N, C-alpha and C. Protein backbone atom coordinates (compact mmCIF):
# COMPACT_ATOMS: atom_id res chain seq x y z
N UNK A 1 -94.97 5.69 286.04
CA UNK A 1 -95.45 5.63 287.43
C UNK A 1 -94.62 4.60 288.19
N UNK A 2 -94.30 4.93 289.41
CA UNK A 2 -93.55 4.04 290.28
C UNK A 2 -94.53 3.16 291.06
N UNK A 3 -94.01 2.15 291.72
CA UNK A 3 -94.86 1.25 292.50
C UNK A 3 -94.31 1.13 293.92
N UNK A 4 -95.18 1.35 294.87
CA UNK A 4 -94.89 1.07 296.27
C UNK A 4 -95.64 -0.21 296.60
N UNK A 5 -94.96 -1.14 297.26
CA UNK A 5 -95.60 -2.43 297.50
C UNK A 5 -95.50 -2.86 298.97
N UNK A 6 -96.44 -3.71 299.33
CA UNK A 6 -96.47 -4.40 300.62
C UNK A 6 -96.65 -5.87 300.31
N UNK A 7 -95.87 -6.74 300.92
CA UNK A 7 -95.97 -8.17 300.66
C UNK A 7 -96.31 -8.92 301.95
N UNK A 8 -97.20 -9.87 301.81
CA UNK A 8 -97.55 -10.81 302.88
C UNK A 8 -97.99 -10.10 304.17
N UNK A 9 -98.88 -9.12 304.01
CA UNK A 9 -99.50 -8.48 305.18
C UNK A 9 -100.54 -9.47 305.70
N UNK A 10 -100.25 -10.06 306.84
CA UNK A 10 -101.09 -11.14 307.39
C UNK A 10 -102.03 -10.57 308.44
N UNK A 11 -103.33 -10.83 308.24
CA UNK A 11 -104.36 -10.27 309.11
C UNK A 11 -105.37 -11.36 309.45
N UNK A 12 -105.73 -11.45 310.71
CA UNK A 12 -106.77 -12.39 311.14
C UNK A 12 -108.13 -11.75 310.95
N UNK A 13 -109.06 -12.52 310.38
CA UNK A 13 -110.40 -12.02 310.12
C UNK A 13 -111.38 -13.17 310.02
N UNK A 14 -112.65 -12.86 310.13
CA UNK A 14 -113.71 -13.83 309.85
C UNK A 14 -113.97 -13.77 308.35
N UNK A 15 -113.77 -14.90 307.67
CA UNK A 15 -113.96 -14.96 306.22
C UNK A 15 -114.40 -16.37 305.84
N UNK A 16 -115.43 -16.46 305.03
CA UNK A 16 -115.85 -17.78 304.57
C UNK A 16 -117.35 -17.94 304.57
N UNK A 17 -117.78 -19.00 303.90
CA UNK A 17 -119.21 -19.25 303.74
C UNK A 17 -119.74 -20.35 304.65
N UNK A 18 -118.85 -21.16 305.18
CA UNK A 18 -119.30 -22.29 306.01
C UNK A 18 -119.51 -21.85 307.45
N UNK A 19 -120.42 -22.54 308.13
CA UNK A 19 -120.74 -22.19 309.53
C UNK A 19 -119.49 -22.16 310.41
N UNK A 20 -118.62 -23.15 310.26
CA UNK A 20 -117.43 -23.19 311.11
C UNK A 20 -116.52 -21.99 310.84
N UNK A 21 -116.52 -21.49 309.59
CA UNK A 21 -115.68 -20.33 309.26
C UNK A 21 -116.23 -19.04 309.87
N UNK A 22 -117.50 -19.03 310.13
CA UNK A 22 -118.15 -17.83 310.69
C UNK A 22 -117.88 -17.72 312.19
N UNK A 23 -117.38 -18.80 312.80
CA UNK A 23 -117.14 -18.82 314.25
C UNK A 23 -115.68 -18.60 314.64
N UNK A 24 -114.79 -18.57 313.65
CA UNK A 24 -113.36 -18.44 313.96
C UNK A 24 -112.73 -17.32 313.12
N UNK A 25 -111.55 -16.94 313.52
CA UNK A 25 -110.76 -16.02 312.70
C UNK A 25 -109.72 -16.84 311.94
N UNK A 26 -109.55 -16.49 310.67
CA UNK A 26 -108.55 -17.12 309.83
C UNK A 26 -107.58 -16.05 309.35
N UNK A 27 -106.40 -16.47 308.97
CA UNK A 27 -105.41 -15.52 308.47
C UNK A 27 -105.55 -15.39 306.96
N UNK A 28 -105.64 -14.16 306.50
CA UNK A 28 -105.54 -13.87 305.08
C UNK A 28 -104.23 -13.11 304.86
N UNK A 29 -103.66 -13.29 303.70
CA UNK A 29 -102.41 -12.62 303.36
C UNK A 29 -102.66 -11.69 302.18
N UNK A 30 -102.24 -10.43 302.32
CA UNK A 30 -102.42 -9.44 301.28
C UNK A 30 -101.08 -9.04 300.68
N UNK A 31 -101.04 -8.99 299.37
CA UNK A 31 -99.92 -8.41 298.62
C UNK A 31 -100.49 -7.24 297.84
N UNK A 32 -99.85 -6.08 297.98
CA UNK A 32 -100.33 -4.88 297.31
C UNK A 32 -99.23 -4.27 296.47
N UNK A 33 -99.60 -3.82 295.28
CA UNK A 33 -98.75 -2.97 294.45
C UNK A 33 -99.59 -1.72 294.17
N UNK A 34 -99.03 -0.55 294.52
CA UNK A 34 -99.79 0.69 294.41
C UNK A 34 -98.99 1.70 293.59
N UNK A 35 -99.63 2.26 292.57
CA UNK A 35 -98.97 3.25 291.74
C UNK A 35 -98.74 4.52 292.54
N UNK A 36 -97.53 5.06 292.41
CA UNK A 36 -97.20 6.30 293.11
C UNK A 36 -96.04 6.97 292.37
N UNK A 37 -96.04 8.29 292.40
CA UNK A 37 -94.90 9.03 291.86
C UNK A 37 -94.00 9.36 293.05
N UNK A 38 -92.86 8.70 293.12
CA UNK A 38 -91.99 8.88 294.30
C UNK A 38 -90.92 9.94 294.10
N UNK A 39 -90.94 10.62 292.95
CA UNK A 39 -89.87 11.57 292.65
C UNK A 39 -89.81 12.72 293.66
N UNK A 40 -90.95 13.26 294.07
CA UNK A 40 -90.96 14.36 295.04
C UNK A 40 -90.38 13.89 296.39
N UNK A 41 -90.79 12.71 296.83
CA UNK A 41 -90.28 12.17 298.09
C UNK A 41 -88.79 11.87 298.00
N UNK A 42 -88.35 11.39 296.86
CA UNK A 42 -86.93 11.10 296.68
C UNK A 42 -86.11 12.38 296.78
N UNK A 43 -86.65 13.48 296.28
CA UNK A 43 -85.94 14.76 296.32
C UNK A 43 -85.97 15.39 297.72
N UNK A 44 -87.12 15.28 298.40
CA UNK A 44 -87.28 15.94 299.70
C UNK A 44 -86.85 15.08 300.88
N UNK A 45 -86.88 13.76 300.69
CA UNK A 45 -86.61 12.81 301.78
C UNK A 45 -87.60 12.97 302.92
N UNK A 46 -88.85 13.33 302.56
CA UNK A 46 -89.90 13.58 303.57
C UNK A 46 -91.06 12.62 303.36
N UNK A 47 -91.50 12.01 304.45
CA UNK A 47 -92.60 11.04 304.40
C UNK A 47 -93.90 11.68 303.89
N UNK A 48 -94.06 12.97 304.12
CA UNK A 48 -95.28 13.67 303.68
C UNK A 48 -95.40 13.70 302.16
N UNK A 49 -94.31 13.46 301.45
CA UNK A 49 -94.30 13.55 299.99
C UNK A 49 -94.45 12.19 299.30
N UNK A 50 -94.82 11.18 300.05
CA UNK A 50 -94.96 9.86 299.45
C UNK A 50 -96.19 9.15 300.01
N UNK A 51 -96.48 8.00 299.46
CA UNK A 51 -97.54 7.13 299.98
C UNK A 51 -96.96 6.40 301.19
N UNK A 52 -97.50 6.68 302.35
CA UNK A 52 -96.98 6.11 303.60
C UNK A 52 -97.50 4.69 303.76
N UNK A 53 -96.67 3.71 303.43
CA UNK A 53 -97.10 2.31 303.46
C UNK A 53 -97.43 1.84 304.87
N UNK A 54 -96.83 2.46 305.89
CA UNK A 54 -97.18 2.08 307.25
C UNK A 54 -98.62 2.51 307.58
N UNK A 55 -99.02 3.68 307.12
CA UNK A 55 -100.40 4.13 307.31
C UNK A 55 -101.38 3.24 306.55
N UNK A 56 -101.00 2.84 305.34
CA UNK A 56 -101.84 1.92 304.57
C UNK A 56 -102.00 0.61 305.33
N UNK A 57 -100.90 0.06 305.83
CA UNK A 57 -100.95 -1.22 306.56
C UNK A 57 -101.81 -1.10 307.81
N UNK A 58 -101.64 -0.03 308.58
CA UNK A 58 -102.45 0.15 309.79
C UNK A 58 -103.94 0.20 309.47
N UNK A 59 -104.29 0.93 308.41
CA UNK A 59 -105.70 1.06 308.03
C UNK A 59 -106.27 -0.29 307.61
N UNK A 60 -105.49 -1.06 306.86
CA UNK A 60 -105.98 -2.37 306.40
C UNK A 60 -106.07 -3.36 307.55
N UNK A 61 -105.13 -3.34 308.46
CA UNK A 61 -105.20 -4.21 309.63
C UNK A 61 -106.47 -3.92 310.42
N UNK A 62 -106.77 -2.64 310.59
CA UNK A 62 -107.99 -2.23 311.31
C UNK A 62 -109.25 -2.69 310.57
N UNK A 63 -109.32 -2.42 309.26
CA UNK A 63 -110.51 -2.74 308.48
C UNK A 63 -110.71 -4.24 308.33
N UNK A 64 -109.69 -4.93 307.84
CA UNK A 64 -109.81 -6.37 307.57
C UNK A 64 -110.05 -7.13 308.87
N UNK A 65 -109.36 -6.74 309.91
CA UNK A 65 -109.50 -7.42 311.19
C UNK A 65 -110.91 -7.33 311.76
N UNK A 66 -111.62 -6.26 311.45
CA UNK A 66 -112.98 -6.07 311.95
C UNK A 66 -114.05 -6.58 310.98
N UNK A 67 -113.64 -6.95 309.76
CA UNK A 67 -114.62 -7.35 308.75
C UNK A 67 -115.08 -8.80 308.96
N UNK A 68 -116.22 -9.12 308.35
CA UNK A 68 -116.77 -10.47 308.43
C UNK A 68 -117.40 -10.85 307.09
N UNK A 69 -116.65 -10.75 306.01
CA UNK A 69 -117.17 -11.07 304.69
C UNK A 69 -117.23 -12.58 304.48
N UNK A 70 -118.11 -12.97 303.59
CA UNK A 70 -118.19 -14.38 303.21
C UNK A 70 -117.16 -14.68 302.12
N UNK A 71 -117.00 -13.78 301.17
CA UNK A 71 -116.16 -14.03 300.01
C UNK A 71 -114.88 -13.20 300.03
N UNK A 72 -113.79 -13.81 299.61
CA UNK A 72 -112.53 -13.11 299.45
C UNK A 72 -112.68 -12.02 298.38
N UNK A 73 -113.52 -12.28 297.39
CA UNK A 73 -113.76 -11.31 296.32
C UNK A 73 -114.31 -9.99 296.88
N UNK A 74 -115.25 -10.10 297.81
CA UNK A 74 -115.83 -8.90 298.41
C UNK A 74 -114.79 -8.16 299.24
N UNK A 75 -114.03 -8.89 300.01
CA UNK A 75 -112.96 -8.29 300.80
C UNK A 75 -111.97 -7.55 299.90
N UNK A 76 -111.59 -8.15 298.79
CA UNK A 76 -110.64 -7.53 297.87
C UNK A 76 -111.18 -6.21 297.32
N UNK A 77 -112.44 -6.20 296.92
CA UNK A 77 -113.04 -4.96 296.40
C UNK A 77 -113.04 -3.85 297.44
N UNK A 78 -113.41 -4.19 298.67
CA UNK A 78 -113.45 -3.17 299.73
C UNK A 78 -112.06 -2.64 300.06
N UNK A 79 -111.08 -3.51 300.09
CA UNK A 79 -109.70 -3.08 300.36
C UNK A 79 -109.22 -2.15 299.24
N UNK A 80 -109.48 -2.52 298.00
CA UNK A 80 -109.08 -1.66 296.87
C UNK A 80 -109.76 -0.30 296.95
N UNK A 81 -111.03 -0.27 297.31
CA UNK A 81 -111.75 1.00 297.45
C UNK A 81 -111.11 1.88 298.52
N UNK A 82 -110.77 1.31 299.66
CA UNK A 82 -110.15 2.07 300.75
C UNK A 82 -108.84 2.68 300.28
N UNK A 83 -108.01 1.89 299.64
CA UNK A 83 -106.70 2.39 299.20
C UNK A 83 -106.84 3.49 298.15
N UNK A 84 -107.74 3.30 297.22
CA UNK A 84 -107.91 4.30 296.16
C UNK A 84 -108.55 5.58 296.70
N UNK A 85 -109.58 5.45 297.53
CA UNK A 85 -110.31 6.63 298.00
C UNK A 85 -109.60 7.34 299.14
N UNK A 86 -109.11 6.61 300.13
CA UNK A 86 -108.53 7.24 301.31
C UNK A 86 -107.07 7.66 301.13
N UNK A 87 -106.36 6.99 300.23
CA UNK A 87 -104.94 7.28 300.05
C UNK A 87 -104.63 7.87 298.68
N UNK A 88 -105.66 8.08 297.86
CA UNK A 88 -105.48 8.73 296.57
C UNK A 88 -104.65 7.94 295.58
N UNK A 89 -104.69 6.62 295.68
CA UNK A 89 -103.92 5.76 294.78
C UNK A 89 -104.73 5.56 293.49
N UNK A 90 -104.09 5.84 292.35
CA UNK A 90 -104.79 5.75 291.07
C UNK A 90 -104.92 4.32 290.56
N UNK A 91 -103.93 3.48 290.87
CA UNK A 91 -103.93 2.09 290.39
C UNK A 91 -103.43 1.18 291.49
N UNK A 92 -104.08 0.04 291.62
CA UNK A 92 -103.66 -0.95 292.61
C UNK A 92 -103.81 -2.34 292.02
N UNK A 93 -102.84 -3.17 292.32
CA UNK A 93 -102.96 -4.62 292.10
C UNK A 93 -102.93 -5.24 293.49
N UNK A 94 -103.93 -6.04 293.79
CA UNK A 94 -104.10 -6.61 295.12
C UNK A 94 -104.30 -8.11 295.00
N UNK A 95 -103.53 -8.86 295.77
CA UNK A 95 -103.72 -10.31 295.89
C UNK A 95 -104.12 -10.59 297.33
N UNK A 96 -105.16 -11.38 297.49
CA UNK A 96 -105.55 -11.85 298.82
C UNK A 96 -105.61 -13.36 298.76
N UNK A 97 -104.92 -14.01 299.69
CA UNK A 97 -105.01 -15.46 299.70
C UNK A 97 -105.38 -15.97 301.08
N UNK A 98 -106.01 -17.12 301.02
CA UNK A 98 -106.47 -17.84 302.20
C UNK A 98 -105.75 -19.18 302.21
N UNK A 99 -104.69 -19.28 302.97
CA UNK A 99 -103.94 -20.53 303.00
C UNK A 99 -104.78 -21.64 303.63
N UNK A 100 -104.68 -22.80 303.03
CA UNK A 100 -105.36 -23.97 303.58
C UNK A 100 -106.84 -24.04 303.27
N UNK A 101 -107.35 -23.19 302.41
CA UNK A 101 -108.78 -23.19 302.12
C UNK A 101 -109.20 -24.38 301.25
N UNK A 102 -108.27 -24.91 300.49
CA UNK A 102 -108.57 -26.06 299.63
C UNK A 102 -107.55 -27.16 299.92
N UNK A 103 -108.05 -28.32 300.26
CA UNK A 103 -107.16 -29.45 300.54
C UNK A 103 -106.31 -29.76 299.32
N UNK A 104 -105.04 -29.92 299.55
CA UNK A 104 -104.12 -30.26 298.47
C UNK A 104 -103.49 -29.04 297.80
N UNK A 105 -103.97 -27.86 298.13
CA UNK A 105 -103.40 -26.62 297.57
C UNK A 105 -102.78 -25.81 298.70
N UNK A 106 -101.64 -25.21 298.43
CA UNK A 106 -100.99 -24.39 299.46
C UNK A 106 -101.85 -23.18 299.82
N UNK A 107 -102.38 -22.51 298.81
CA UNK A 107 -103.27 -21.38 299.08
C UNK A 107 -104.16 -21.12 297.86
N UNK A 108 -105.20 -20.37 298.10
CA UNK A 108 -106.12 -19.95 297.04
C UNK A 108 -106.47 -18.49 297.32
N UNK A 109 -106.92 -17.80 296.30
CA UNK A 109 -107.30 -16.41 296.51
C UNK A 109 -107.67 -15.72 295.23
N UNK A 110 -107.61 -14.40 295.26
CA UNK A 110 -107.94 -13.58 294.11
C UNK A 110 -106.85 -12.53 293.90
N UNK A 111 -106.73 -12.12 292.67
CA UNK A 111 -105.88 -11.00 292.29
C UNK A 111 -106.76 -10.03 291.51
N UNK A 112 -106.79 -8.77 291.95
CA UNK A 112 -107.57 -7.77 291.23
C UNK A 112 -106.67 -6.58 290.92
N UNK A 113 -107.01 -5.89 289.85
CA UNK A 113 -106.39 -4.61 289.51
C UNK A 113 -107.51 -3.60 289.35
N UNK A 114 -107.32 -2.44 289.92
CA UNK A 114 -108.31 -1.37 289.81
C UNK A 114 -107.62 -0.06 289.48
N UNK A 115 -108.25 0.73 288.63
CA UNK A 115 -107.74 2.04 288.28
C UNK A 115 -106.83 2.00 287.07
N UNK A 116 -106.23 3.16 286.78
CA UNK A 116 -105.32 3.32 285.66
C UNK A 116 -103.90 3.42 286.16
N UNK A 117 -103.01 2.64 285.59
CA UNK A 117 -101.63 2.59 286.06
C UNK A 117 -100.89 3.91 285.84
N UNK A 118 -101.21 4.62 284.82
CA UNK A 118 -100.61 5.95 284.63
C UNK A 118 -99.36 5.98 283.82
């Protein structure tokens, strides 16, 4: 199985458990690796034959930007569900980080894998 990836997709959203976090938007950064068979697209040179990463990015910008989760873990699960269900991706590795969430650390976040890599 091949991998199509998106790195550092930055989206503003309401995320966090503290009162001050519920009143502002913060930037989260998403890194995605998505299993895909690109052989048909490579042969046809047609966007219809591959996983359209621009469509994935647009959908995530829309969803994450409108979300108001408390936990990054919940956000990660919902993003993985969208990609697997709406785009037919069998396996995904997703990293979401919240820069500046912990003093002294550049960033913190979660990495999840869902599905079978194939």
